[in-house]
Amino acid sequence: MGRDGTRWNGTFVPSGRRAHMRTLRGMSTRQRRAAPAASGSPAGDAPRPRRRRRGPGWVPKQHGAWAMLVAPPLVGAVTSGATWRHALLGVTWLVGYLAYDATALWLKARRRSRWWPPVRAYGVTALALGAALLVTTPSLVTWGAVYVPLLCASLALSAARKDRSLANDAVTVVAAGVVGVVAYGLGRDAEPATWLPGASSAEAWLPAGVLTAYFLGTVLYVKTMIRERGNRTVLAGSVAYHAALPVVAATAGPTLDAVVAVPVLVALLVLLAVRAVVVPLRAPGATPLQLGLGEIVATVALTTLLLVG
């Protein structure tokens, strides 16, 4: 062709795009699609704007944590008679978890600025919701004597980059289990408020204890699948713990019978003990998402059992 044009793969191309065509010849198909259009074409007048990526810390990565957050307050609310205050408690609890998780990651990241926005956003929202909850139920302020030490201990472990330690997992599980007692204290059928609302009732502590014991077992089970995969000592500890749970439940049957069908509970715990042995040995490559979904199914089964009574 002349000076005003050329041919590329049999197609007439204006001369202003010759250099662009030469560049494309050395590209793969994927690179060609991603490359900006040549100057002079409508698409090449301006570069495509980059989609702004959301910073870290906004969405927790622990898939199974949501089941642990929802089950205890749900059981406590239904057992004692749900009221509108339980809805406010539930929202405050979930947003508080988002604030806690973001803060823990920020501390672990040595307080880098890019991790700060979710801390600020979730923290302010959680404080506002918590203030509203305390205005409607001032007696709950005494539970701060329980939760402030738990929160400080967990955040200190996160700052030391020990957020995945068994100690920190135990702290968070206890905090999640106890919120079921807090929820029980807000119910219509709860006993008159004491220094810690709900804490004087065995009907509040028994389901909370069952859920806490179960969640502690899930901590060990998940560790055998991810961070401690292949560690025979951790696997043995997990199997021993899960094997002990149905024995303890059967032994405490006369006491637990007031809140749950003990034979069904024992059967479920036996199944979980079998899972603690079989899955790490037969399916060690399970993904965190698969494990989280499995925990949600098991938690729903146990929660339903506690709600049915």
C-alpha atoms as a PDB file:
ATOM      1  CA  MET A   1       0.000   0.000   0.000  1.00  0.00           C
ATOM      2  CA  GLY A   2       0.969   3.669  -0.118  1.00  0.00           C
ATOM      3  CA  ARG A   3       2.135   5.989   2.596  1.00  0.00           C
ATOM      4  CA  ASP A   4      -1.389   6.455   3.928  1.00  0.00           C
ATOM      5  CA  GLY A   5      -2.048   2.833   4.695  1.00  0.00           C
ATOM      6  CA  THR A   6      -0.892  -0.753   4.917  1.00  0.00           C
ATOM      7  CA  ARG A   7      -2.318  -4.235   5.061  1.00  0.00           C
ATOM      8  CA  TRP A   8      -2.211  -6.463   8.129  1.00  0.00           C
ATOM      9  CA  ASN A   9      -3.477 -10.058   7.810  1.00  0.00           C
ATOM     10  CA  GLY A  10      -5.225  -9.009   4.594  1.00  0.00           C
ATOM     11  CA  THR A  11      -7.015  -6.058   6.209  1.00  0.00           C
ATOM     12  CA  PHE A  12      -6.463  -2.414   5.264  1.00  0.00           C
ATOM     13  CA  VAL A  13      -5.058  -0.477   8.215  1.00  0.00           C
ATOM     14  CA  PRO A  14      -4.404   3.297   8.353  1.00  0.00           C
ATOM     15  CA  SER A  15      -0.713   4.196   8.538  1.00  0.00           C
ATOM     16  CA  GLY A  16      -1.156   5.730  11.983  1.00  0.00           C
ATOM     17  CA  ARG A  17      -1.687   2.259  13.366  1.00  0.00           C
ATOM     18  CA  ARG A  18       1.278   0.483  11.759  1.00  0.00           C
ATOM     19  CA  ALA A  19       3.378   0.535  14.923  1.00  0.00           C
ATOM     20  CA  HIS A  20       0.411  -0.727  16.889  1.00  0.00           C
ATOM     21  CA  MET A  21      -0.074  -3.625  14.483  1.00  0.00           C
ATOM     22  CA  ARG A  22       3.587  -4.567  14.700  1.00  0.00           C
ATOM     23  CA  THR A  23       3.273  -4.706  18.456  1.00  0.00           C
ATOM     24  CA  LEU A  24       0.177  -6.879  18.260  1.00  0.00           C
ATOM     25  CA  ARG A  25       1.960  -9.442  16.046  1.00  0.00           C
ATOM     26  CA  GLY A  26       4.159 -10.389  18.997  1.00  0.00           C
ATOM     27  CA  MET A  27       1.298 -10.729  21.433  1.00  0.00           C
ATOM     28  CA  SER A  28      -0.808 -13.668  22.459  1.00  0.00           C
ATOM     29  CA  THR A  29      -4.580 -13.588  21.947  1.00  0.00           C
ATOM     30  CA  ARG A  30      -5.174 -12.684  25.593  1.00  0.00           C
ATOM     31  CA  GLN A  31      -2.615  -9.884  25.428  1.00  0.00           C
ATOM     32  CA  ARG A  32      -4.228  -8.501  22.264  1.00  0.00           C
ATOM     33  CA  ARG A  33      -7.603  -8.324  23.961  1.00  0.00           C
ATOM     34  CA  ALA A  34      -6.142  -6.525  26.953  1.00  0.00           C
ATOM     35  CA  ALA A  35      -4.032  -4.102  24.894  1.00  0.00           C
ATOM     36  CA  PRO A  36      -5.429  -0.548  24.428  1.00  0.00           C
ATOM     37  CA  ALA A  37      -6.583   0.394  20.950  1.00  0.00           C
ATOM     38  CA  ALA A  38      -4.231   2.304  18.646  1.00  0.00           C
ATOM     39  CA  SER A  39      -4.176   6.051  18.606  1.00  0.00           C
ATOM     40  CA  GLY A  40      -6.760   7.404  16.194  1.00  0.00           C
ATOM     41  CA  SER A  41      -9.401   4.779  16.942  1.00  0.00           C
ATOM     42  CA  PRO A  42     -12.483   5.683  18.973  1.00  0.00           C
ATOM     43  CA  ALA A  43     -11.487   3.377  21.830  1.00  0.00           C
ATOM     44  CA  GLY A  44      -7.966   4.760  21.885  1.00  0.00           C
ATOM     45  CA  ASP A  45      -8.888   8.371  22.549  1.00  0.00           C
ATOM     46  CA  ALA A  46      -8.762   7.778  26.319  1.00  0.00           C
ATOM     47  CA  PRO A  47      -7.422   4.930  28.459  1.00  0.00           C
ATOM     48  CA  ARG A  48      -9.913   2.720  30.177  1.00  0.00           C
ATOM     49  CA  PRO A  49     -10.335   3.738  33.825  1.00  0.00           C
ATOM     50  CA  ARG A  50      -9.036   1.188  36.282  1.00  0.00           C
ATOM     51  CA  ARG A  51     -11.537  -0.272  38.661  1.00  0.00           C
ATOM     52  CA  ARG A  52     -10.589   0.803  42.153  1.00  0.00           C
ATOM     53  CA  ARG A  53      -9.967  -2.207  44.341  1.00  0.00           C
ATOM     54  CA  ARG A  54     -11.352  -2.257  47.846  1.00  0.00           C
ATOM     55  CA  GLY A  55      -8.678  -2.240  50.528  1.00  0.00           C
ATOM     56  CA  PRO A  56      -8.093  -5.144  52.898  1.00  0.00           C
ATOM     57  CA  GLY A  57      -9.951  -5.878  56.100  1.00  0.00           C
ATOM     58  CA  TRP A  58     -13.522  -5.255  54.981  1.00  0.00           C
ATOM     59  CA  VAL A  59     -14.694  -8.858  54.675  1.00  0.00           C
ATOM     60  CA  PRO A  60     -13.610 -11.548  57.174  1.00  0.00           C
ATOM     61  CA  LYS A  61     -12.114 -14.642  55.576  1.00  0.00           C
ATOM     62  CA  GLN A  62     -13.217 -17.099  58.236  1.00  0.00           C
ATOM     63  CA  HIS A  63     -16.170 -18.757  56.502  1.00  0.00           C
ATOM     64  CA  GLY A  64     -17.250 -20.844  59.480  1.00  0.00           C
ATOM     65  CA  ALA A  65     -17.141 -17.907  61.894  1.00  0.00           C
ATOM     66  CA  TRP A  66     -20.582 -16.702  60.836  1.00  0.00           C
ATOM     67  CA  ALA A  67     -22.235 -19.827  62.165  1.00  0.00           C
ATOM     68  CA  MET A  68     -20.439 -19.381  65.475  1.00  0.00           C
ATOM     69  CA  LEU A  69     -21.604 -15.761  65.636  1.00  0.00           C
ATOM     70  CA  VAL A  70     -25.265 -16.462  64.905  1.00  0.00           C
ATOM     71  CA  ALA A  71     -26.035 -19.710  66.749  1.00  0.00           C
ATOM     72  CA  PRO A  72     -25.507 -18.714  70.421  1.00  0.00           C
ATOM     73  CA  PRO A  73     -27.542 -15.474  70.410  1.00  0.00           C
ATOM     74  CA  LEU A  74     -30.244 -17.151  68.339  1.00  0.00           C
ATOM     75  CA  VAL A  75     -30.598 -20.015  70.818  1.00  0.00           C
ATOM     76  CA  GLY A  76     -30.533 -17.616  73.776  1.00  0.00           C
ATOM     77  CA  ALA A  77     -33.199 -15.392  72.231  1.00  0.00           C
ATOM     78  CA  VAL A  78     -35.591 -18.176  71.270  1.00  0.00           C
ATOM     79  CA  THR A  79     -35.150 -20.034  74.567  1.00  0.00           C
ATOM     80  CA  SER A  80     -36.027 -16.999  76.682  1.00  0.00           C
ATOM     81  CA  GLY A  81     -38.659 -15.468  74.403  1.00  0.00           C
ATOM     82  CA  ALA A  82     -37.492 -13.210  71.588  1.00  0.00           C
ATOM     83  CA  THR A  83     -38.072  -9.456  71.784  1.00  0.00           C
ATOM     84  CA  TRP A  84     -37.148  -6.488  69.584  1.00  0.00           C
ATOM     85  CA  ARG A  85     -34.064  -5.959  71.739  1.00  0.00           C
ATOM     86  CA  HIS A  86     -32.644  -9.219  70.442  1.00  0.00           C
ATOM     87  CA  ALA A  87     -32.618  -7.762  66.928  1.00  0.00           C
ATOM     88  CA  LEU A  88     -30.617  -4.785  68.165  1.00  0.00           C
ATOM     89  CA  LEU A  89     -28.278  -7.094  70.072  1.00  0.00           C
ATOM     90  CA  GLY A  90     -27.789  -9.265  66.983  1.00  0.00           C
ATOM     91  CA  VAL A  91     -26.912  -6.358  64.698  1.00  0.00           C
ATOM     92  CA  THR A  92     -24.593  -4.869  67.322  1.00  0.00           C
ATOM     93  CA  TRP A  93     -22.895  -8.237  67.814  1.00  0.00           C
ATOM     94  CA  LEU A  94     -22.302  -8.810  64.104  1.00  0.00           C
ATOM     95  CA  VAL A  95     -21.030  -5.294  63.414  1.00  0.00           C
ATOM     96  CA  GLY A  96     -18.916  -5.549  66.553  1.00  0.00           C
ATOM     97  CA  TYR A  97     -17.336  -8.679  65.119  1.00  0.00           C
ATOM     98  CA  LEU A  98     -16.548  -6.862  61.876  1.00  0.00           C
ATOM     99  CA  ALA A  99     -14.913  -4.084  63.904  1.00  0.00           C
ATOM    100  CA  TYR A 100     -12.972  -6.609  65.976  1.00  0.00           C
ATOM    101  CA  ASP A 101     -11.768  -8.536  62.929  1.00  0.00           C
ATOM    102  CA  ALA A 102     -10.694  -5.370  61.118  1.00  0.00           C
ATOM    103  CA  THR A 103      -8.882  -4.120  64.225  1.00  0.00           C
ATOM    104  CA  ALA A 104      -7.119  -7.435  64.713  1.00  0.00           C
ATOM    105  CA  LEU A 105      -5.878  -7.373  61.117  1.00  0.00           C
ATOM    106  CA  TRP A 106      -4.795  -3.747  61.466  1.00  0.00           C
ATOM    107  CA  LEU A 107      -2.763  -4.580  64.579  1.00  0.00           C
ATOM    108  CA  LYS A 108      -1.287  -7.640  62.923  1.00  0.00           C
ATOM    109  CA  ALA A 109      -0.262  -5.455  59.960  1.00  0.00           C
ATOM    110  CA  ARG A 110       1.631  -3.135  62.334  1.00  0.00           C
ATOM    111  CA  ARG A 111      -1.063  -0.451  62.077  1.00  0.00           C
ATOM    112  CA  ARG A 112      -0.460   0.285  58.404  1.00  0.00           C
ATOM    113  CA  SER A 113      -2.718   3.000  57.046  1.00  0.00           C
ATOM    114  CA  ARG A 114      -4.279   0.893  54.279  1.00  0.00           C
ATOM    115  CA  TRP A 115      -5.818  -1.356  56.941  1.00  0.00           C
ATOM    116  CA  TRP A 116      -7.344   1.537  58.893  1.00  0.00           C
ATOM    117  CA  PRO A 117     -10.524   2.461  56.883  1.00  0.00           C
ATOM    118  CA  PRO A 118     -12.556  -0.644  57.882  1.00  0.00           C
ATOM    119  CA  VAL A 119     -11.459  -0.207  61.508  1.00  0.00           C
ATOM    120  CA  ARG A 120     -12.794   3.331  61.492  1.00  0.00           C
ATOM    121  CA  ALA A 121     -16.018   2.544  59.644  1.00  0.00           C
ATOM    122  CA  TYR A 122     -16.962  -0.594  61.568  1.00  0.00           C
ATOM    123  CA  GLY A 123     -15.715   0.800  64.868  1.00  0.00           C
ATOM    124  CA  VAL A 124     -17.820   3.947  64.707  1.00  0.00           C
ATOM    125  CA  THR A 125     -20.892   1.953  63.648  1.00  0.00           C
ATOM    126  CA  ALA A 126     -20.396  -0.606  66.407  1.00  0.00           C
ATOM    127  CA  LEU A 127     -20.016   2.120  69.033  1.00  0.00           C
ATOM    128  CA  ALA A 128     -23.214   3.804  67.873  1.00  0.00           C
ATOM    129  CA  LEU A 129     -25.158   0.535  67.936  1.00  0.00           C
ATOM    130  CA  GLY A 130     -23.681  -0.405  71.306  1.00  0.00           C
ATOM    131  CA  ALA A 131     -24.694   2.956  72.748  1.00  0.00           C
ATOM    132  CA  ALA A 132     -28.247   2.453  71.472  1.00  0.00           C
ATOM    133  CA  LEU A 133     -28.332  -1.027  73.022  1.00  0.00           C
ATOM    134  CA  LEU A 134     -27.162   0.275  76.390  1.00  0.00           C
ATOM    135  CA  VAL A 135     -29.694   3.106  76.300  1.00  0.00           C
ATOM    136  CA  THR A 136     -32.508   0.590  75.836  1.00  0.00           C
ATOM    137  CA  THR A 137     -31.031  -1.958  78.277  1.00  0.00           C
ATOM    138  CA  PRO A 138     -28.633  -0.248  80.725  1.00  0.00           C
ATOM    139  CA  SER A 139     -28.202  -3.431  82.768  1.00  0.00           C
ATOM    140  CA  LEU A 140     -26.097  -4.943  79.985  1.00  0.00           C
ATOM    141  CA  VAL A 141     -23.213  -2.593  80.815  1.00  0.00           C
ATOM    142  CA  THR A 142     -22.028  -5.019  83.507  1.00  0.00           C
ATOM    143  CA  TRP A 143     -21.231  -7.616  80.835  1.00  0.00           C
ATOM    144  CA  GLY A 144     -18.364  -5.322  79.932  1.00  0.00           C
ATOM    145  CA  ALA A 145     -16.525  -6.829  82.897  1.00  0.00           C
ATOM    146  CA  VAL A 146     -16.519 -10.105  80.939  1.00  0.00           C
ATOM    147  CA  TYR A 147     -16.022  -8.913  77.376  1.00  0.00           C
ATOM    148  CA  VAL A 148     -13.430  -6.171  77.825  1.00  0.00           C
ATOM    149  CA  PRO A 149     -10.774  -8.605  79.158  1.00  0.00           C
ATOM    150  CA  LEU A 150     -11.606 -11.120  76.410  1.00  0.00           C
ATOM    151  CA  LEU A 151     -11.351  -8.418  73.745  1.00  0.00           C
ATOM    152  CA  CYS A 152      -8.072  -7.054  75.101  1.00  0.00           C
ATOM    153  CA  ALA A 153      -6.543 -10.533  75.313  1.00  0.00           C
ATOM    154  CA  SER A 154      -7.507 -11.373  71.727  1.00  0.00           C
ATOM    155  CA  LEU A 155      -6.286  -8.063  70.304  1.00  0.00           C
ATOM    156  CA  ALA A 156      -3.008  -8.410  72.203  1.00  0.00           C
ATOM    157  CA  LEU A 157      -2.486 -11.826  70.618  1.00  0.00           C
ATOM    158  CA  SER A 158      -3.288 -10.355  67.211  1.00  0.00           C
ATOM    159  CA  ALA A 159      -0.778  -7.553  67.738  1.00  0.00           C
ATOM    160  CA  ALA A 160       1.795 -10.251  68.537  1.00  0.00           C
ATOM    161  CA  ARG A 161       0.770 -12.039  65.328  1.00  0.00           C
ATOM    162  CA  LYS A 162      -0.607 -14.964  67.290  1.00  0.00           C
ATOM    163  CA  ASP A 163      -4.155 -14.505  66.060  1.00  0.00           C
ATOM    164  CA  ARG A 164      -4.202 -18.096  64.728  1.00  0.00           C
ATOM    165  CA  SER A 165      -3.014 -19.583  68.001  1.00  0.00           C
ATOM    166  CA  LEU A 166      -5.123 -22.023  69.978  1.00  0.00           C
ATOM    167  CA  ALA A 167      -5.235 -19.524  72.854  1.00  0.00           C
ATOM    168  CA  ASN A 168      -6.779 -16.813  70.700  1.00  0.00           C
ATOM    169  CA  ASP A 169      -9.228 -19.248  69.153  1.00  0.00           C
ATOM    170  CA  ALA A 170     -10.319 -20.322  72.626  1.00  0.00           C
ATOM    171  CA  VAL A 171     -10.875 -16.704  73.672  1.00  0.00           C
ATOM    172  CA  THR A 172     -13.053 -15.959  70.649  1.00  0.00           C
ATOM    173  CA  VAL A 173     -15.058 -19.171  71.083  1.00  0.00           C
ATOM    174  CA  VAL A 174     -15.764 -18.382  74.740  1.00  0.00           C
ATOM    175  CA  ALA A 175     -16.834 -14.855  73.790  1.00  0.00           C
ATOM    176  CA  ALA A 176     -19.222 -16.234  71.159  1.00  0.00           C
ATOM    177  CA  GLY A 177     -20.666 -18.829  73.534  1.00  0.00           C
ATOM    178  CA  VAL A 178     -21.287 -16.382  76.359  1.00  0.00           C
ATOM    179  CA  VAL A 179     -23.267 -14.031  74.126  1.00  0.00           C
ATOM    180  CA  GLY A 180     -25.969 -16.702  74.203  1.00  0.00           C
ATOM    181  CA  VAL A 181     -26.314 -16.037  77.940  1.00  0.00           C
ATOM    182  CA  VAL A 182     -26.446 -12.300  77.261  1.00  0.00           C
ATOM    183  CA  ALA A 183     -29.239 -12.878  74.753  1.00  0.00           C
ATOM    184  CA  TYR A 184     -31.109 -15.057  77.215  1.00  0.00           C
ATOM    185  CA  GLY A 185     -31.095 -12.206  79.728  1.00  0.00           C
ATOM    186  CA  LEU A 186     -33.021  -9.999  77.280  1.00  0.00           C
ATOM    187  CA  GLY A 187     -35.909 -12.425  76.830  1.00  0.00           C
ATOM    188  CA  ARG A 188     -39.495 -12.145  77.966  1.00  0.00           C
ATOM    189  CA  ASP A 189     -39.225 -15.285  80.100  1.00  0.00           C
ATOM    190  CA  ALA A 190     -35.823 -14.525  81.600  1.00  0.00           C
ATOM    191  CA  GLU A 191     -35.432 -14.377  85.347  1.00  0.00           C
ATOM    192  CA  PRO A 192     -35.279 -10.954  87.015  1.00  0.00           C
ATOM    193  CA  ALA A 193     -32.093  -9.140  86.114  1.00  0.00           C
ATOM    194  CA  THR A 194     -29.065  -9.828  88.265  1.00  0.00           C
ATOM    195  CA  TRP A 195     -25.652  -8.180  88.143  1.00  0.00           C
ATOM    196  CA  LEU A 196     -25.089 -10.074  84.880  1.00  0.00           C
ATOM    197  CA  PRO A 197     -28.484 -10.402  83.151  1.00  0.00           C
ATOM    198  CA  GLY A 198     -29.136 -14.021  82.226  1.00  0.00           C
ATOM    199  CA  ALA A 199     -26.166 -15.406  84.148  1.00  0.00           C
ATOM    200  CA  SER A 200     -28.246 -16.781  87.009  1.00  0.00           C
ATOM    201  CA  SER A 201     -30.176 -19.241  84.814  1.00  0.00           C
ATOM    202  CA  ALA A 202     -29.058 -22.796  84.089  1.00  0.00           C
ATOM    203  CA  GLU A 203     -31.354 -22.721  81.064  1.00  0.00           C
ATOM    204  CA  ALA A 204     -29.062 -20.043  79.634  1.00  0.00           C
ATOM    205  CA  TRP A 205     -25.732 -21.691  80.472  1.00  0.00           C
ATOM    206  CA  LEU A 206     -26.477 -25.243  79.349  1.00  0.00           C
ATOM    207  CA  PRO A 207     -27.076 -24.474  75.635  1.00  0.00           C
ATOM    208  CA  ALA A 208     -24.226 -21.977  75.727  1.00  0.00           C
ATOM    209  CA  GLY A 209     -21.970 -24.659  77.197  1.00  0.00           C
ATOM    210  CA  VAL A 210     -22.962 -27.206  74.551  1.00  0.00           C
ATOM    211  CA  LEU A 211     -22.289 -24.750  71.745  1.00  0.00           C
ATOM    212  CA  THR A 212     -18.991 -23.621  73.255  1.00  0.00           C
ATOM    213  CA  ALA A 213     -17.782 -27.207  73.623  1.00  0.00           C
ATOM    214  CA  TYR A 214     -18.763 -27.919  70.017  1.00  0.00           C
ATOM    215  CA  PHE A 215     -17.026 -24.809  68.665  1.00  0.00           C
ATOM    216  CA  LEU A 216     -13.838 -25.601  70.573  1.00  0.00           C
ATOM    217  CA  GLY A 217     -13.871 -28.944  68.792  1.00  0.00           C
ATOM    218  CA  THR A 218     -14.260 -27.251  65.423  1.00  0.00           C
ATOM    219  CA  VAL A 219     -11.163 -25.164  66.167  1.00  0.00           C
ATOM    220  CA  LEU A 220      -9.115 -28.334  66.583  1.00  0.00           C
ATOM    221  CA  TYR A 221     -10.718 -30.004  63.583  1.00  0.00           C
ATOM    222  CA  VAL A 222     -10.066 -27.060  61.262  1.00  0.00           C
ATOM    223  CA  LYS A 223      -6.461 -26.827  62.442  1.00  0.00           C
ATOM    224  CA  THR A 224      -5.906 -30.454  61.448  1.00  0.00           C
ATOM    225  CA  MET A 225      -7.128 -29.530  57.958  1.00  0.00           C
ATOM    226  CA  ILE A 226      -5.252 -26.279  57.365  1.00  0.00           C
ATOM    227  CA  ARG A 227      -2.517 -24.825  59.567  1.00  0.00           C
ATOM    228  CA  GLU A 228      -1.598 -28.087  61.300  1.00  0.00           C
ATOM    229  CA  ARG A 229      -2.333 -30.450  58.441  1.00  0.00           C
ATOM    230  CA  GLY A 230      -0.150 -33.502  58.749  1.00  0.00           C
ATOM    231  CA  ASN A 231       0.657 -32.805  62.412  1.00  0.00           C
ATOM    232  CA  ARG A 232      -0.090 -36.112  64.114  1.00  0.00           C
ATOM    233  CA  THR A 233      -0.015 -34.592  67.593  1.00  0.00           C
ATOM    234  CA  VAL A 234      -2.714 -32.051  66.769  1.00  0.00           C
ATOM    235  CA  LEU A 235      -4.745 -34.723  64.999  1.00  0.00           C
ATOM    236  CA  ALA A 236      -4.534 -36.986  68.044  1.00  0.00           C
ATOM    237  CA  GLY A 237      -5.641 -34.129  70.294  1.00  0.00           C
ATOM    238  CA  SER A 238      -8.578 -33.340  68.025  1.00  0.00           C
ATOM    239  CA  VAL A 239      -9.684 -36.966  67.847  1.00  0.00           C
ATOM    240  CA  ALA A 240      -9.380 -37.385  71.634  1.00  0.00           C
ATOM    241  CA  TYR A 241     -11.415 -34.238  72.265  1.00  0.00           C
ATOM    242  CA  HIS A 242     -14.164 -35.224  69.838  1.00  0.00           C
ATOM    243  CA  ALA A 243     -14.276 -38.748  71.250  1.00  0.00           C
ATOM    244  CA  ALA A 244     -14.721 -37.347  74.760  1.00  0.00           C
ATOM    245  CA  LEU A 245     -17.658 -35.090  73.859  1.00  0.00           C
ATOM    246  CA  PRO A 246     -20.332 -37.798  73.408  1.00  0.00           C
ATOM    247  CA  VAL A 247     -19.104 -39.512  76.589  1.00  0.00           C
ATOM    248  CA  VAL A 248     -19.414 -36.293  78.571  1.00  0.00           C
ATOM    249  CA  ALA A 249     -22.839 -35.560  77.048  1.00  0.00           C
ATOM    250  CA  ALA A 250     -24.123 -39.031  77.955  1.00  0.00           C
ATOM    251  CA  THR A 251     -22.755 -38.712  81.484  1.00  0.00           C
ATOM    252  CA  ALA A 252     -24.376 -35.309  81.932  1.00  0.00           C
ATOM    253  CA  GLY A 253     -27.606 -36.586  80.412  1.00  0.00           C
ATOM    254  CA  PRO A 254     -29.831 -35.963  83.455  1.00  0.00           C
ATOM    255  CA  THR A 255     -28.752 -32.315  83.508  1.00  0.00           C
ATOM    256  CA  LEU A 256     -28.742 -31.695  79.767  1.00  0.00           C
ATOM    257  CA  ASP A 257     -32.112 -33.374  79.351  1.00  0.00           C
ATOM    258  CA  ALA A 258     -33.735 -30.119  80.462  1.00  0.00           C
ATOM    259  CA  VAL A 259     -32.609 -28.317  77.285  1.00  0.00           C
ATOM    260  CA  VAL A 260     -31.884 -30.958  74.634  1.00  0.00           C
ATOM    261  CA  ALA A 261     -32.747 -34.504  73.551  1.00  0.00           C
ATOM    262  CA  VAL A 262     -29.632 -36.196  74.908  1.00  0.00           C
ATOM    263  CA  PRO A 263     -29.709 -39.377  72.730  1.00  0.00           C
ATOM    264  CA  VAL A 264     -29.887 -37.278  69.557  1.00  0.00           C
ATOM    265  CA  LEU A 265     -27.145 -34.985  70.841  1.00  0.00           C
ATOM    266  CA  VAL A 266     -24.901 -37.954  71.577  1.00  0.00           C
ATOM    267  CA  ALA A 267     -25.541 -39.371  68.099  1.00  0.00           C
ATOM    268  CA  LEU A 268     -24.614 -36.046  66.481  1.00  0.00           C
ATOM    269  CA  LEU A 269     -21.435 -35.800  68.552  1.00  0.00           C
ATOM    270  CA  VAL A 270     -20.475 -39.338  67.525  1.00  0.00           C
ATOM    271  CA  LEU A 271     -20.838 -38.346  63.873  1.00  0.00           C
ATOM    272  CA  LEU A 272     -18.641 -35.311  64.466  1.00  0.00           C
ATOM    273  CA  ALA A 273     -16.054 -37.533  66.151  1.00  0.00           C
ATOM    274  CA  VAL A 274     -16.027 -39.802  63.099  1.00  0.00           C
ATOM    275  CA  ARG A 275     -15.602 -36.752  60.886  1.00  0.00           C
ATOM    276  CA  ALA A 276     -12.643 -35.602  62.997  1.00  0.00           C
ATOM    277  CA  VAL A 277     -10.899 -38.876  62.127  1.00  0.00           C
ATOM    278  CA  VAL A 278     -11.989 -39.586  58.561  1.00  0.00           C
ATOM    279  CA  VAL A 279     -11.797 -36.183  56.850  1.00  0.00           C
ATOM    280  CA  PRO A 280      -8.201 -35.265  57.822  1.00  0.00           C
ATOM    281  CA  LEU A 281      -7.023 -38.701  56.688  1.00  0.00           C
ATOM    282  CA  ARG A 282      -9.194 -39.207  53.604  1.00  0.00           C
ATOM    283  CA  ALA A 283      -9.723 -35.661  52.348  1.00  0.00           C
ATOM    284  CA  PRO A 284      -6.779 -33.565  53.529  1.00  0.00           C
ATOM    285  CA  GLY A 285      -7.057 -31.306  50.484  1.00  0.00           C
ATOM    286  CA  ALA A 286     -10.439 -29.821  51.392  1.00  0.00           C
ATOM    287  CA  THR A 287     -10.534 -26.044  50.837  1.00  0.00           C
ATOM    288  CA  PRO A 288     -11.307 -23.494  53.585  1.00  0.00           C
ATOM    289  CA  LEU A 289     -14.617 -22.745  51.869  1.00  0.00           C
ATOM    290  CA  GLN A 290     -15.586 -26.415  51.913  1.00  0.00           C
ATOM    291  CA  LEU A 291     -14.639 -26.664  55.563  1.00  0.00           C
ATOM    292  CA  GLY A 292     -16.607 -23.534  56.383  1.00  0.00           C
ATOM    293  CA  LEU A 293     -19.703 -24.847  54.630  1.00  0.00           C
ATOM    294  CA  GLY A 294     -19.353 -28.125  56.499  1.00  0.00           C
ATOM    295  CA  GLU A 295     -19.191 -26.256  59.796  1.00  0.00           C
ATOM    296  CA  ILE A 296     -22.297 -24.284  58.892  1.00  0.00           C
ATOM    297  CA  VAL A 297     -24.210 -27.520  58.227  1.00  0.00           C
ATOM    298  CA  ALA A 298     -23.068 -29.057  61.520  1.00  0.00           C
ATOM    299  CA  THR A 299     -23.868 -25.851  63.421  1.00  0.00           C
ATOM    300  CA  VAL A 300     -27.345 -25.662  61.909  1.00  0.00           C
ATOM    301  CA  ALA A 301     -27.977 -29.284  62.967  1.00  0.00           C
ATOM    302  CA  LEU A 302     -26.856 -28.627  66.544  1.00  0.00           C
ATOM    303  CA  THR A 303     -28.687 -25.312  66.772  1.00  0.00           C
ATOM    304  CA  THR A 304     -31.905 -26.907  65.522  1.00  0.00           C
ATOM    305  CA  LEU A 305     -31.538 -29.640  68.113  1.00  0.00           C
ATOM    306  CA  LEU A 306     -31.138 -27.081  70.883  1.00  0.00           C
ATOM    307  CA  LEU A 307     -34.096 -25.042  69.662  1.00  0.00           C
ATOM    308  CA  VAL A 308     -36.379 -28.059  69.438  1.00  0.00           C
ATOM    309  CA  GLY A 309     -35.290 -29.101  72.926  1.00  0.00           C
END
